[in-house]
Amino acid sequence: MKMNENVAKGKWLEIKGDVQKAWGKLTDDDLDKAKGDIKKIAEIIQQKYGAAEAEHRKKLSEIFKKHEIKNWPKSN
C-alpha cells in the first residue's frame, strides 16, 4: 500500500468509528457496503432509524469535516 492509501484507510477507520458511535445500529458490514459514500451511508441510516435523510447527511458531513475530508471518497 502507498502512504496515502494507508492514511486514507486509517481515516476511514476513524470515521467508521465515529459513525457507529452516532448510530449504534450500523454494522461494519453496513458501512463497508457504502464504501465511504455519504449519501449511501445516510440512506442506510434512514432505513434503520427513519427520519429525514437530509438530517443524517448533515451530521455525517460534520463527522467527515472533523476528519478534514471533503466529499470522501465520493458524494453524489
PDB file of N, CA and C in Angstrom:
ATOM      1  N   MET A   1       0.825  -1.184   0.000  1.00  0.00           N
ATOM      2  CA  MET A   1       0.000   0.000   0.000  1.00  0.00           C
ATOM      3  C   MET A   1       0.872   1.251   0.000  1.00  0.00           C
ATOM      4  N   LYS A   2       0.444   2.241  -0.749  1.00  0.00           N
ATOM      5  CA  LYS A   2       1.155   3.517  -0.753  1.00  0.00           C
ATOM      6  C   LYS A   2       0.814   4.287   0.514  1.00  0.00           C
ATOM      7  N   MET A   3       1.645   5.270   0.825  1.00  0.00           N
ATOM      8  CA  MET A   3       1.450   6.046   2.042  1.00  0.00           C
ATOM      9  C   MET A   3       0.060   6.677   2.099  1.00  0.00           C
ATOM     10  N   ASN A   4      -0.397   7.332   1.010  1.00  0.00           N
ATOM     11  CA  ASN A   4      -1.703   7.968   1.078  1.00  0.00           C
ATOM     12  C   ASN A   4      -2.819   6.946   1.199  1.00  0.00           C
ATOM     13  N   GLU A   5      -2.632   5.736   0.709  1.00  0.00           N
ATOM     14  CA  GLU A   5      -3.634   4.690   0.903  1.00  0.00           C
ATOM     15  C   GLU A   5      -3.706   4.310   2.376  1.00  0.00           C
ATOM     16  N   ASN A   6      -2.554   4.258   3.041  1.00  0.00           N
ATOM     17  CA  ASN A   6      -2.535   3.963   4.477  1.00  0.00           C
ATOM     18  C   ASN A   6      -3.238   5.053   5.258  1.00  0.00           C
ATOM     19  N   VAL A   7      -2.968   6.303   4.899  1.00  0.00           N
ATOM     20  CA  VAL A   7      -3.608   7.431   5.577  1.00  0.00           C
ATOM     21  C   VAL A   7      -5.111   7.377   5.349  1.00  0.00           C
ATOM     22  N   ALA A   8      -5.526   7.139   4.098  1.00  0.00           N
ATOM     23  CA  ALA A   8      -6.949   7.072   3.771  1.00  0.00           C
ATOM     24  C   ALA A   8      -7.623   5.936   4.535  1.00  0.00           C
ATOM     25  N   LYS A   9      -6.966   4.787   4.598  1.00  0.00           N
ATOM     26  CA  LYS A   9      -7.542   3.650   5.320  1.00  0.00           C
ATOM     27  C   LYS A   9      -7.673   3.971   6.802  1.00  0.00           C
ATOM     28  N   GLY A  10      -6.655   4.591   7.368  1.00  0.00           N
ATOM     29  CA  GLY A  10      -6.709   4.974   8.785  1.00  0.00           C
ATOM     30  C   GLY A  10      -7.814   5.973   9.055  1.00  0.00           C
ATOM     31  N   LYS A  11      -7.959   6.960   8.173  1.00  0.00           N
ATOM     32  CA  LYS A  11      -9.034   7.950   8.319  1.00  0.00           C
ATOM     33  C   LYS A  11     -10.389   7.268   8.243  1.00  0.00           C
ATOM     34  N   TRP A  12     -10.562   6.349   7.282  1.00  0.00           N
ATOM     35  CA  TRP A  12     -11.844   5.670   7.126  1.00  0.00           C
ATOM     36  C   TRP A  12     -12.185   4.887   8.390  1.00  0.00           C
ATOM     37  N   LEU A  13     -11.203   4.241   8.998  1.00  0.00           N
ATOM     38  CA  LEU A  13     -11.459   3.501  10.235  1.00  0.00           C
ATOM     39  C   LEU A  13     -11.908   4.446  11.345  1.00  0.00           C
ATOM     40  N   GLU A  14     -11.296   5.629  11.421  1.00  0.00           N
ATOM     41  CA  GLU A  14     -11.700   6.624  12.417  1.00  0.00           C
ATOM     42  C   GLU A  14     -13.126   7.107  12.145  1.00  0.00           C
ATOM     43  N   ILE A  15     -13.414   7.384  10.883  1.00  0.00           N
ATOM     44  CA  ILE A  15     -14.755   7.855  10.509  1.00  0.00           C
ATOM     45  C   ILE A  15     -15.791   6.784  10.824  1.00  0.00           C
ATOM     46  N   LYS A  16     -15.507   5.541  10.451  1.00  0.00           N
ATOM     47  CA  LYS A  16     -16.446   4.444  10.746  1.00  0.00           C
ATOM     48  C   LYS A  16     -16.745   4.386  12.232  1.00  0.00           C
ATOM     49  N   GLY A  17     -15.715   4.537  13.055  1.00  0.00           N
ATOM     50  CA  GLY A  17     -15.907   4.503  14.500  1.00  0.00           C
ATOM     51  C   GLY A  17     -16.826   5.616  14.973  1.00  0.00           C
ATOM     52  N   ASP A  18     -16.618   6.825  14.446  1.00  0.00           N
ATOM     53  CA  ASP A  18     -17.468   7.957  14.828  1.00  0.00           C
ATOM     54  C   ASP A  18     -18.901   7.762  14.351  1.00  0.00           C
ATOM     55  N   VAL A  19     -19.060   7.237  13.148  1.00  0.00           N
ATOM     56  CA  VAL A  19     -20.404   6.990  12.608  1.00  0.00           C
ATOM     57  C   VAL A  19     -21.111   5.934  13.461  1.00  0.00           C
ATOM     58  N   GLN A  20     -20.402   4.892  13.834  1.00  0.00           N
ATOM     59  CA  GLN A  20     -21.010   3.844  14.652  1.00  0.00           C
ATOM     60  C   GLN A  20     -21.327   4.340  16.059  1.00  0.00           C
ATOM     61  N   LYS A  21     -20.556   5.283  16.580  1.00  0.00           N
ATOM     62  CA  LYS A  21     -20.891   5.881  17.877  1.00  0.00           C
ATOM     63  C   LYS A  21     -22.190   6.676  17.772  1.00  0.00           C
ATOM     64  N   ALA A  22     -22.329   7.408  16.665  1.00  0.00           N
ATOM     65  CA  ALA A  22     -23.526   8.239  16.468  1.00  0.00           C
ATOM     66  C   ALA A  22     -24.765   7.394  16.173  1.00  0.00           C
ATOM     67  N   TRP A  23     -24.603   6.325  15.426  1.00  0.00           N
ATOM     68  CA  TRP A  23     -25.717   5.452  15.047  1.00  0.00           C
ATOM     69  C   TRP A  23     -25.311   4.007  15.348  1.00  0.00           C
ATOM     70  N   GLY A  24     -25.562   3.583  16.564  1.00  0.00           N
ATOM     71  CA  GLY A  24     -25.110   2.289  17.058  1.00  0.00           C
ATOM     72  C   GLY A  24     -25.665   1.066  16.351  1.00  0.00           C
ATOM     73  N   LYS A  25     -26.765   1.236  15.612  1.00  0.00           N
ATOM     74  CA  LYS A  25     -27.341   0.080  14.910  1.00  0.00           C
ATOM     75  C   LYS A  25     -26.581  -0.270  13.634  1.00  0.00           C
ATOM     76  N   LEU A  26     -25.687   0.613  13.197  1.00  0.00           N
ATOM     77  CA  LEU A  26     -24.934   0.344  11.968  1.00  0.00           C
ATOM     78  C   LEU A  26     -23.825  -0.663  12.240  1.00  0.00           C
ATOM     79  N   THR A  27     -23.674  -1.590  11.335  1.00  0.00           N
ATOM     80  CA  THR A  27     -22.631  -2.606  11.459  1.00  0.00           C
ATOM     81  C   THR A  27     -21.458  -2.257  10.546  1.00  0.00           C
ATOM     82  N   ASP A  28     -20.339  -2.925  10.773  1.00  0.00           N
ATOM     83  CA  ASP A  28     -19.194  -2.766   9.874  1.00  0.00           C
ATOM     84  C   ASP A  28     -19.610  -3.122   8.454  1.00  0.00           C
ATOM     85  N   ASP A  29     -20.418  -4.168   8.323  1.00  0.00           N
ATOM     86  CA  ASP A  29     -20.881  -4.610   7.013  1.00  0.00           C
ATOM     87  C   ASP A  29     -21.691  -3.509   6.315  1.00  0.00           C
ATOM     88  N   ASP A  30     -22.580  -2.839   7.068  1.00  0.00           N
ATOM     89  CA  ASP A  30     -23.363  -1.735   6.500  1.00  0.00           C
ATOM     90  C   ASP A  30     -22.434  -0.664   5.934  1.00  0.00           C
ATOM     91  N   LEU A  31     -21.446  -0.277   6.720  1.00  0.00           N
ATOM     92  CA  LEU A  31     -20.549   0.798   6.313  1.00  0.00           C
ATOM     93  C   LEU A  31     -19.614   0.367   5.191  1.00  0.00           C
ATOM     94  N   ASP A  32     -19.204  -0.892   5.204  1.00  0.00           N
ATOM     95  CA  ASP A  32     -18.355  -1.383   4.121  1.00  0.00           C
ATOM     96  C   ASP A  32     -19.116  -1.395   2.793  1.00  0.00           C
ATOM     97  N   LYS A  33     -20.401  -1.709   2.838  1.00  0.00           N
ATOM     98  CA  LYS A  33     -21.224  -1.687   1.619  1.00  0.00           C
ATOM     99  C   LYS A  33     -21.335  -0.281   1.057  1.00  0.00           C
ATOM    100  N   ALA A  34     -21.360   0.720   1.926  1.00  0.00           N
ATOM    101  CA  ALA A  34     -21.492   2.114   1.492  1.00  0.00           C
ATOM    102  C   ALA A  34     -20.194   2.644   0.882  1.00  0.00           C
ATOM    103  N   LYS A  35     -19.078   2.024   1.174  1.00  0.00           N
ATOM    104  CA  LYS A  35     -17.772   2.383   0.620  1.00  0.00           C
ATOM    105  C   LYS A  35     -17.443   3.869   0.785  1.00  0.00           C
ATOM    106  N   GLY A  36     -17.827   4.428   1.915  1.00  0.00           N
ATOM    107  CA  GLY A  36     -17.479   5.814   2.204  1.00  0.00           C
ATOM    108  C   GLY A  36     -18.344   6.856   1.543  1.00  0.00           C
ATOM    109  N   ASP A  37     -19.372   6.435   0.834  1.00  0.00           N
ATOM    110  CA  ASP A  37     -20.263   7.376   0.151  1.00  0.00           C
ATOM    111  C   ASP A  37     -21.273   7.935   1.157  1.00  0.00           C
ATOM    112  N   ILE A  38     -21.184   9.251   1.426  1.00  0.00           N
ATOM    113  CA  ILE A  38     -22.046   9.870   2.436  1.00  0.00           C
ATOM    114  C   ILE A  38     -23.516   9.615   2.144  1.00  0.00           C
ATOM    115  N   LYS A  39     -23.909   9.737   0.886  1.00  0.00           N
ATOM    116  CA  LYS A  39     -25.315   9.545   0.523  1.00  0.00           C
ATOM    117  C   LYS A  39     -25.775   8.117   0.840  1.00  0.00           C
ATOM    118  N   LYS A  40     -24.947   7.131   0.504  1.00  0.00           N
ATOM    119  CA  LYS A  40     -25.307   5.735   0.779  1.00  0.00           C
ATOM    120  C   LYS A  40     -25.376   5.472   2.281  1.00  0.00           C
ATOM    121  N   ILE A  41     -24.439   6.049   3.027  1.00  0.00           N
ATOM    122  CA  ILE A  41     -24.461   5.873   4.478  1.00  0.00           C
ATOM    123  C   ILE A  41     -25.745   6.479   5.035  1.00  0.00           C
ATOM    124  N   ALA A  42     -26.109   7.678   4.558  1.00  0.00           N
ATOM    125  CA  ALA A  42     -27.334   8.337   5.017  1.00  0.00           C
ATOM    126  C   ALA A  42     -28.569   7.495   4.685  1.00  0.00           C
ATOM    127  N   GLU A  43     -28.581   6.863   3.522  1.00  0.00           N
ATOM    128  CA  GLU A  43     -29.709   6.011   3.138  1.00  0.00           C
ATOM    129  C   GLU A  43     -29.834   4.813   4.081  1.00  0.00           C
ATOM    130  N   ILE A  44     -28.703   4.214   4.429  1.00  0.00           N
ATOM    131  CA  ILE A  44     -28.713   3.068   5.354  1.00  0.00           C
ATOM    132  C   ILE A  44     -29.200   3.518   6.728  1.00  0.00           C
ATOM    133  N   ILE A  45     -28.740   4.673   7.183  1.00  0.00           N
ATOM    134  CA  ILE A  45     -29.177   5.211   8.475  1.00  0.00           C
ATOM    135  C   ILE A  45     -30.687   5.450   8.449  1.00  0.00           C
ATOM    136  N   GLN A  46     -31.172   6.019   7.358  1.00  0.00           N
ATOM    137  CA  GLN A  46     -32.610   6.283   7.236  1.00  0.00           C
ATOM    138  C   GLN A  46     -33.402   4.982   7.302  1.00  0.00           C
ATOM    139  N   GLN A  47     -32.917   3.938   6.651  1.00  0.00           N
ATOM    140  CA  GLN A  47     -33.599   2.641   6.684  1.00  0.00           C
ATOM    141  C   GLN A  47     -33.677   2.094   8.106  1.00  0.00           C
ATOM    142  N   LYS A  48     -32.606   2.264   8.868  1.00  0.00           N
ATOM    143  CA  LYS A  48     -32.559   1.688  10.217  1.00  0.00           C
ATOM    144  C   LYS A  48     -33.205   2.570  11.279  1.00  0.00           C
ATOM    145  N   TYR A  49     -33.175   3.900  11.062  1.00  0.00           N
ATOM    146  CA  TYR A  49     -33.635   4.824  12.094  1.00  0.00           C
ATOM    147  C   TYR A  49     -34.843   5.666  11.700  1.00  0.00           C
ATOM    148  N   GLY A  50     -35.144   5.744  10.411  1.00  0.00           N
ATOM    149  CA  GLY A  50     -36.212   6.631   9.970  1.00  0.00           C
ATOM    150  C   GLY A  50     -35.708   8.059   9.916  1.00  0.00           C
ATOM    151  N   ALA A  51     -36.603   9.023   9.999  1.00  0.00           N
ATOM    152  CA  ALA A  51     -36.292  10.464   9.943  1.00  0.00           C
ATOM    153  C   ALA A  51     -35.791  10.848   8.546  1.00  0.00           C
ATOM    154  N   ALA A  52     -35.531  12.117   8.371  1.00  0.00           N
ATOM    155  CA  ALA A  52     -35.158  12.648   7.064  1.00  0.00           C
ATOM    156  C   ALA A  52     -33.689  12.392   6.751  1.00  0.00           C
ATOM    157  N   GLU A  53     -33.450  11.974   5.513  1.00  0.00           N
ATOM    158  CA  GLU A  53     -32.085  11.705   5.074  1.00  0.00           C
ATOM    159  C   GLU A  53     -31.219  12.955   5.180  1.00  0.00           C
ATOM    160  N   ALA A  54     -31.810  14.112   4.931  1.00  0.00           N
ATOM    161  CA  ALA A  54     -31.051  15.370   4.998  1.00  0.00           C
ATOM    162  C   ALA A  54     -30.452  15.583   6.386  1.00  0.00           C
ATOM    163  N   GLU A  55     -31.192  15.204   7.433  1.00  0.00           N
ATOM    164  CA  GLU A  55     -30.680  15.334   8.797  1.00  0.00           C
ATOM    165  C   GLU A  55     -29.447  14.456   8.994  1.00  0.00           C
ATOM    166  N   HIS A  56     -29.525  13.239   8.492  1.00  0.00           N
ATOM    167  CA  HIS A  56     -28.403  12.305   8.633  1.00  0.00           C
ATOM    168  C   HIS A  56     -27.197  12.795   7.834  1.00  0.00           C
ATOM    169  N   ARG A  57     -27.456  13.314   6.632  1.00  0.00           N
ATOM    170  CA  ARG A  57     -26.363  13.802   5.789  1.00  0.00           C
ATOM    171  C   ARG A  57     -25.643  14.967   6.469  1.00  0.00           C
ATOM    172  N   LYS A  58     -26.384  15.840   7.145  1.00  0.00           N
ATOM    173  CA  LYS A  58     -25.766  16.970   7.832  1.00  0.00           C
ATOM    174  C   LYS A  58     -24.827  16.470   8.926  1.00  0.00           C
ATOM    175  N   LYS A  59     -25.309  15.549   9.740  1.00  0.00           N
ATOM    176  CA  LYS A  59     -24.477  15.020  10.824  1.00  0.00           C
ATOM    177  C   LYS A  59     -23.273  14.261  10.257  1.00  0.00           C
ATOM    178  N   LEU A  60     -23.488  13.498   9.183  1.00  0.00           N
ATOM    179  CA  LEU A  60     -22.377  12.780   8.550  1.00  0.00           C
ATOM    180  C   LEU A  60     -21.337  13.756   8.013  1.00  0.00           C
ATOM    181  N   SER A  61     -21.802  14.839   7.390  1.00  0.00           N
ATOM    182  CA  SER A  61     -20.875  15.846   6.868  1.00  0.00           C
ATOM    183  C   SER A  61     -20.018  16.412   7.981  1.00  0.00           C
ATOM    184  N   GLU A  62     -20.628  16.639   9.142  1.00  0.00           N
ATOM    185  CA  GLU A  62     -19.876  17.143  10.289  1.00  0.00           C
ATOM    186  C   GLU A  62     -18.800  16.154  10.720  1.00  0.00           C
ATOM    187  N   ILE A  63     -19.139  14.868  10.703  1.00  0.00           N
ATOM    188  CA  ILE A  63     -18.161  13.837  11.075  1.00  0.00           C
ATOM    189  C   ILE A  63     -17.019  13.823  10.066  1.00  0.00           C
ATOM    190  N   PHE A  64     -17.349  13.854   8.769  1.00  0.00           N
ATOM    191  CA  PHE A  64     -16.311  13.832   7.750  1.00  0.00           C
ATOM    192  C   PHE A  64     -15.439  15.091   7.835  1.00  0.00           C
ATOM    193  N   LYS A  65     -16.053  16.257   8.089  1.00  0.00           N
ATOM    194  CA  LYS A  65     -15.287  17.503   8.210  1.00  0.00           C
ATOM    195  C   LYS A  65     -14.351  17.445   9.410  1.00  0.00           C
ATOM    196  N   LYS A  66     -14.806  16.800  10.471  1.00  0.00           N
ATOM    197  CA  LYS A  66     -13.972  16.648  11.669  1.00  0.00           C
ATOM    198  C   LYS A  66     -12.647  15.967  11.312  1.00  0.00           C
ATOM    199  N   HIS A  67     -12.725  15.075  10.352  1.00  0.00           N
ATOM    200  CA  HIS A  67     -11.528  14.347   9.921  1.00  0.00           C
ATOM    201  C   HIS A  67     -10.876  15.007   8.707  1.00  0.00           C
ATOM    202  N   GLU A  68     -11.311  16.254   8.403  1.00  0.00           N
ATOM    203  CA  GLU A  68     -10.750  17.055   7.324  1.00  0.00           C
ATOM    204  C   GLU A  68     -10.828  16.363   5.973  1.00  0.00           C
ATOM    205  N   ILE A  69     -11.949  15.719   5.721  1.00  0.00           N
ATOM    206  CA  ILE A  69     -12.149  15.035   4.451  1.00  0.00           C
ATOM    207  C   ILE A  69     -13.359  15.653   3.770  1.00  0.00           C
ATOM    208  N   LYS A  70     -13.158  16.130   2.573  1.00  0.00           N
ATOM    209  CA  LYS A  70     -14.250  16.722   1.806  1.00  0.00           C
ATOM    210  C   LYS A  70     -14.654  15.741   0.727  1.00  0.00           C
ATOM    211  N   ASN A  71     -15.947  15.421   0.665  1.00  0.00           N
ATOM    212  CA  ASN A  71     -16.503  14.528  -0.342  1.00  0.00           C
ATOM    213  C   ASN A  71     -15.769  13.190  -0.399  1.00  0.00           C
ATOM    214  N   TRP A  72     -15.507  12.637   0.720  1.00  0.00           N
ATOM    215  CA  TRP A  72     -14.749  11.383   0.838  1.00  0.00           C
ATOM    216  C   TRP A  72     -15.562  10.190   0.427  1.00  0.00           C
ATOM    217  N   PRO A  73     -15.043   9.202  -0.216  1.00  0.00           N
ATOM    218  CA  PRO A  73     -14.246   9.439  -1.408  1.00  0.00           C
ATOM    219  C   PRO A  73     -15.124   9.985  -2.513  1.00  0.00           C
ATOM    220  N   LYS A  74     -16.431   9.923  -2.283  1.00  0.00           N
ATOM    221  CA  LYS A  74     -17.358  10.498  -3.265  1.00  0.00           C
ATOM    222  C   LYS A  74     -18.651  10.820  -2.566  1.00  0.00           C
ATOM    223  N   SER A  75     -19.362  11.742  -3.082  1.00  0.00           N
ATOM    224  CA  SER A  75     -20.687  12.079  -2.587  1.00  0.00           C
ATOM    225  C   SER A  75     -21.490  12.592  -3.750  1.00  0.00           C
ATOM    226  N   ASN A  76     -22.584  11.931  -4.047  1.00  0.00           N
ATOM    227  CA  ASN A  76     -23.415  12.321  -5.201  1.00  0.00           C
ATOM    228  C   ASN A  76     -24.480  13.286  -4.808  1.00  0.00           C
TER     229      ASN A  76
END
